[in-house]
């Protein structure tokens, strides 16, 4: 991990930096600094917090609701792949989110993307405190200071579960280009029959992905979508 010289406190890497892939940029130098959504989040840092908390309980509730209403066991779907890989998009100040995703779904690895560098470092420090109980945790949680519209560090069809909370909605006004490229990246990354869990999207995410996903659950609190398998002969 490379921390920008504007943010570095010491030339010697801190142990928590092992959780971070790539660079951590200062706020005024991030490549996505001109995006309206990024500016809004910087000005209103608590904007995502109302939805992002209590992730583990929300995930368990979503699993139960899908099982009851759609007769689909999301845990079995995700864990039928090994290694099973998850992706957390925009965890904000809720450093626990990637860890809850990892543990609730018994994943082998979770990649986590966040726009705000401060939150990346806070999360890395929190996970460093857990490393004593899980020496392999640095390989199981990988933090990326990046934009949700460019997930090129991850391979196509390499993700089996995506979780996002209060990231794609009308209160966080992404540019049209950022939003469309984010949708393309989600479709690209999620493996066939992989699942996406969204909280607080107000239907925006679901409408944009309807062409590629089957709705397992949709209500005001949480939606669960499953990517349709690729038709035979279309590849």
Protein backbone atom coordinates (compact mmCIF):
# COMPACT_ATOMS: atom_id res chain seq x y z
CA UNK A 1 0.00 0.00 0.00
CA UNK A 2 1.19 3.51 -0.80
CA UNK A 3 -0.05 6.39 1.31
CA UNK A 4 0.23 9.78 -0.40
CA UNK A 5 3.00 11.89 1.10
CA UNK A 6 0.39 14.42 2.17
CA UNK A 7 -1.18 11.80 4.46
CA UNK A 8 1.90 9.86 5.54
CA UNK A 9 2.99 10.27 9.15
CA UNK A 10 6.09 8.08 8.89
CA UNK A 11 8.33 6.64 6.16
CA UNK A 12 7.89 3.22 7.82
CA UNK A 13 4.60 1.55 6.81
CA UNK A 14 2.20 0.96 9.67
CA UNK A 15 1.07 -2.68 10.23
CA UNK A 16 -2.52 -1.74 9.38
CA UNK A 17 -1.44 -0.72 5.88
CA UNK A 18 -1.25 -4.44 5.01
CA UNK A 19 -5.04 -4.36 4.55
CA UNK A 20 -4.92 -1.66 1.84
CA UNK A 21 -4.33 -2.25 -1.86
CA UNK A 22 -3.02 0.66 -3.91
CA UNK A 23 -2.76 4.30 -2.86
CA UNK A 24 -4.64 6.37 -0.30
CA UNK A 25 -5.06 9.89 -1.67
CA UNK A 26 -5.61 13.19 0.16
CA UNK A 27 -9.17 14.50 -0.27
CA UNK A 28 -8.18 17.24 -2.72
CA UNK A 29 -6.17 14.91 -4.98
CA UNK A 30 -8.44 11.91 -5.52
CA UNK A 31 -9.03 11.21 -9.24
CA UNK A 32 -12.80 11.43 -8.65
CA UNK A 33 -12.71 14.73 -6.72
CA UNK A 34 -14.92 16.55 -9.26
CA UNK A 35 -17.83 14.11 -8.96
CA UNK A 36 -20.82 15.81 -7.34
CA UNK A 37 -21.58 12.77 -5.18
CA UNK A 38 -18.07 12.78 -3.69
CA UNK A 39 -18.38 16.49 -2.90
CA UNK A 40 -21.75 15.91 -1.24
CA UNK A 41 -20.39 13.12 0.95
CA UNK A 42 -17.43 15.27 2.01
CA UNK A 43 -19.77 18.12 2.97
CA UNK A 44 -22.25 15.83 4.76
CA UNK A 45 -20.18 13.00 6.26
CA UNK A 46 -23.13 11.41 8.09
CA UNK A 47 -25.29 11.12 4.97
CA UNK A 48 -24.77 7.36 4.60
CA UNK A 49 -24.69 6.43 8.27
CA UNK A 50 -28.43 6.04 8.87
CA UNK A 51 -28.59 3.06 6.53
CA UNK A 52 -25.12 1.64 6.91
CA UNK A 53 -25.26 0.57 10.57
CA UNK A 54 -26.22 -2.84 11.99
CA UNK A 55 -25.01 -4.67 8.90
CA UNK A 56 -24.85 -8.20 10.32
CA UNK A 57 -28.46 -8.16 11.53
CA UNK A 58 -29.64 -6.62 8.24
CA UNK A 59 -27.85 -9.32 6.26
CA UNK A 60 -29.36 -12.11 8.35
CA UNK A 61 -32.81 -10.54 7.95
CA UNK A 62 -32.38 -10.36 4.17
CA UNK A 63 -31.30 -14.00 4.03
CA UNK A 64 -34.36 -15.04 6.02
CA UNK A 65 -36.78 -12.96 3.95
CA UNK A 66 -35.47 -14.33 0.65
CA UNK A 67 -35.72 -17.88 2.00
CA UNK A 68 -39.31 -17.31 3.12
CA UNK A 69 -40.57 -15.40 0.08
CA UNK A 70 -38.52 -16.71 -2.84
CA UNK A 71 -37.45 -20.12 -1.50
CA UNK A 72 -33.84 -19.29 -2.34
CA UNK A 73 -31.07 -19.87 0.19
CA UNK A 74 -28.71 -16.98 -0.52
CA UNK A 75 -26.06 -18.48 1.75
CA UNK A 76 -26.01 -21.68 -0.30
CA UNK A 77 -25.91 -19.72 -3.57
CA UNK A 78 -22.93 -17.66 -2.48
CA UNK A 79 -21.02 -20.43 -0.75
CA UNK A 80 -21.43 -22.87 -3.65
CA UNK A 81 -18.38 -21.08 -5.07
CA UNK A 82 -14.91 -21.54 -3.61
CA UNK A 83 -13.21 -19.30 -3.09
CA UNK A 84 -16.33 -17.26 -2.34
CA UNK A 85 -15.59 -13.55 -2.78
CA UNK A 86 -17.64 -10.57 -1.66
CA UNK A 87 -17.57 -6.86 -2.44
CA UNK A 88 -18.58 -3.99 -0.15
CA UNK A 89 -19.29 -0.73 -2.00
CA UNK A 90 -19.11 2.53 -0.07
CA UNK A 91 -18.91 1.43 3.58
CA UNK A 92 -18.30 5.00 4.76
CA UNK A 93 -17.58 5.38 8.47
CA UNK A 94 -18.97 1.90 9.18
CA UNK A 95 -15.66 0.03 9.27
CA UNK A 96 -17.46 -3.09 10.50
CA UNK A 97 -19.34 -3.56 7.20
CA UNK A 98 -16.73 -5.58 5.25
CA UNK A 99 -16.04 -7.75 8.31
CA UNK A 100 -19.75 -8.43 8.88
CA UNK A 101 -20.09 -9.39 5.22
CA UNK A 102 -17.12 -11.74 5.51
CA UNK A 103 -18.41 -13.47 8.63
CA UNK A 104 -22.15 -13.62 7.92
CA UNK A 105 -21.65 -15.30 4.54
CA UNK A 106 -18.54 -17.27 5.54
CA UNK A 107 -16.67 -15.77 2.60
CA UNK A 108 -13.06 -16.44 1.75
CA UNK A 109 -12.36 -12.79 0.87
CA UNK A 110 -14.09 -9.42 0.82
CA UNK A 111 -12.93 -6.47 -1.26
CA UNK A 112 -14.16 -3.11 0.03
CA UNK A 113 -14.23 0.17 -1.93
CA UNK A 114 -14.63 3.58 -0.33
CA UNK A 115 -14.30 7.15 -1.68
CA UNK A 116 -13.07 8.78 1.53
CA UNK A 117 -9.43 8.06 2.43
CA UNK A 118 -9.98 8.72 6.13
CA UNK A 119 -12.53 5.89 6.27
CA UNK A 120 -10.11 3.51 4.53
CA UNK A 121 -7.45 4.17 7.18
CA UNK A 122 -9.98 3.92 10.04
CA UNK A 123 -11.14 0.54 8.73
CA UNK A 124 -7.57 -0.72 8.30
CA UNK A 125 -6.76 0.20 11.91
CA UNK A 126 -9.93 -1.52 13.15
CA UNK A 127 -9.06 -4.73 11.27
CA UNK A 128 -5.49 -4.63 12.53
CA UNK A 129 -6.91 -5.01 16.06
CA UNK A 130 -8.67 -8.20 14.92
CA UNK A 131 -5.63 -9.69 13.22
CA UNK A 132 -4.35 -11.41 16.38
CA UNK A 133 -7.42 -13.66 16.34
CA UNK A 134 -7.19 -14.27 12.59
CA UNK A 135 -3.61 -14.02 11.26
CA UNK A 136 -4.87 -14.43 7.68
CA UNK A 137 -7.26 -11.49 7.93
CA UNK A 138 -5.07 -9.30 5.70
CA UNK A 139 -5.69 -11.74 2.84
CA UNK A 140 -9.40 -12.01 3.62
CA UNK A 141 -10.23 -8.28 3.71
CA UNK A 142 -8.76 -6.01 1.05
CA UNK A 143 -9.45 -2.28 1.20
CA UNK A 144 -9.39 -0.06 -1.88
CA UNK A 145 -9.47 3.75 -1.89
CA UNK A 146 -11.33 4.07 -5.16
CA UNK A 147 -14.45 5.08 -6.99
CA UNK A 148 -17.34 2.68 -7.49
CA UNK A 149 -17.26 3.52 -11.19
CA UNK A 150 -13.80 1.99 -11.66
CA UNK A 151 -13.37 -1.43 -10.10
CA UNK A 152 -10.78 -2.52 -12.65
CA UNK A 153 -8.54 -4.01 -9.94
CA UNK A 154 -11.06 -6.87 -9.77
CA UNK A 155 -11.50 -9.55 -12.41
CA UNK A 156 -14.67 -10.07 -14.46
CA UNK A 157 -17.16 -12.52 -12.86
CA UNK A 158 -14.91 -12.83 -9.79
CA UNK A 159 -17.47 -11.62 -7.21
CA UNK A 160 -20.24 -13.77 -5.77
CA UNK A 161 -21.88 -11.28 -3.42
CA UNK A 162 -22.09 -7.47 -3.53
CA UNK A 163 -23.38 -5.37 -0.64
CA UNK A 164 -24.08 -1.64 -0.80
CA UNK A 165 -25.96 0.65 1.58
CA UNK A 166 -27.31 4.13 0.86
CA UNK A 167 -24.86 4.63 -1.99
CA UNK A 168 -27.07 4.69 -5.08
CA UNK A 169 -29.96 7.00 -4.29
CA UNK A 170 -31.28 10.47 -5.06
CA UNK A 171 -29.70 12.04 -1.97
CA UNK A 172 -26.19 11.30 -3.24
CA UNK A 173 -26.28 12.85 -6.73
CA UNK A 174 -23.70 10.98 -8.79
CA UNK A 175 -23.00 12.26 -12.24
CA UNK A 176 -24.76 10.27 -14.94
CA UNK A 177 -21.42 8.97 -16.16
CA UNK A 178 -20.34 7.78 -12.70
CA UNK A 179 -23.67 6.06 -12.11
CA UNK A 180 -23.75 4.32 -15.50
CA UNK A 181 -20.17 3.13 -15.23
CA UNK A 182 -20.88 1.87 -11.71
CA UNK A 183 -23.80 -0.19 -13.01
CA UNK A 184 -21.59 -1.60 -15.77
CA UNK A 185 -18.94 -2.55 -13.24
CA UNK A 186 -21.47 -4.32 -11.01
CA UNK A 187 -22.74 -6.34 -13.96
CA UNK A 188 -19.20 -7.13 -15.09
CA UNK A 189 -17.92 -8.26 -11.72
CA UNK A 190 -20.80 -10.35 -10.42
CA UNK A 191 -20.59 -14.00 -11.42
CA UNK A 192 -23.68 -15.62 -12.98
CA UNK A 193 -26.21 -16.44 -10.22
CA UNK A 194 -24.27 -14.19 -7.86
CA UNK A 195 -26.30 -11.92 -5.57
CA UNK A 196 -26.47 -8.22 -4.81
CA UNK A 197 -27.90 -6.88 -1.54
CA UNK A 198 -28.85 -3.20 -1.54
CA UNK A 199 -30.17 -1.02 1.28
CA UNK A 200 -31.48 2.51 0.87
CA UNK A 201 -31.39 2.69 -2.93
CA UNK A 202 -35.01 3.91 -3.31
CA UNK A 203 -35.39 1.66 -6.36
CA UNK A 204 -32.73 3.45 -8.39
CA UNK A 205 -30.31 0.54 -8.41
CA UNK A 206 -33.00 -2.06 -9.02
CA UNK A 207 -34.45 -0.25 -12.03
CA UNK A 208 -31.05 0.15 -13.65
CA UNK A 209 -30.11 -3.52 -13.24
CA UNK A 210 -33.48 -5.04 -14.15
CA UNK A 211 -32.19 -6.21 -17.52
CA UNK A 212 -29.49 -8.37 -15.96
CA UNK A 213 -30.91 -9.40 -12.59
CA UNK A 214 -33.80 -11.37 -11.15
CA UNK A 215 -35.45 -9.77 -8.10
CA UNK A 216 -35.49 -12.12 -5.12
CA UNK A 217 -36.64 -9.48 -2.64
CA UNK A 218 -37.65 -5.85 -2.93
CA UNK A 219 -39.07 -3.73 -0.14
CA UNK A 220 -38.39 -0.23 1.26
CA UNK A 221 -35.68 -1.57 3.55
CA UNK A 222 -33.66 -3.98 1.47
CA UNK A 223 -33.50 -5.53 -1.99
CA UNK A 224 -31.81 -8.75 -3.04
CA UNK A 225 -31.10 -9.33 -6.72
CA UNK A 226 -29.60 -12.36 -8.44
CA UNK A 227 -27.67 -12.10 -11.67
CA UNK A 228 -29.20 -14.08 -14.49
CA UNK A 229 -27.06 -16.90 -15.94
CA UNK A 230 -25.50 -16.24 -19.32
CA UNK A 231 -27.60 -17.92 -22.07
CA UNK A 232 -25.87 -20.84 -23.74
CA UNK A 233 -24.03 -19.83 -26.91
CA UNK A 234 -24.08 -16.09 -26.14
CA UNK A 235 -20.52 -15.84 -24.87
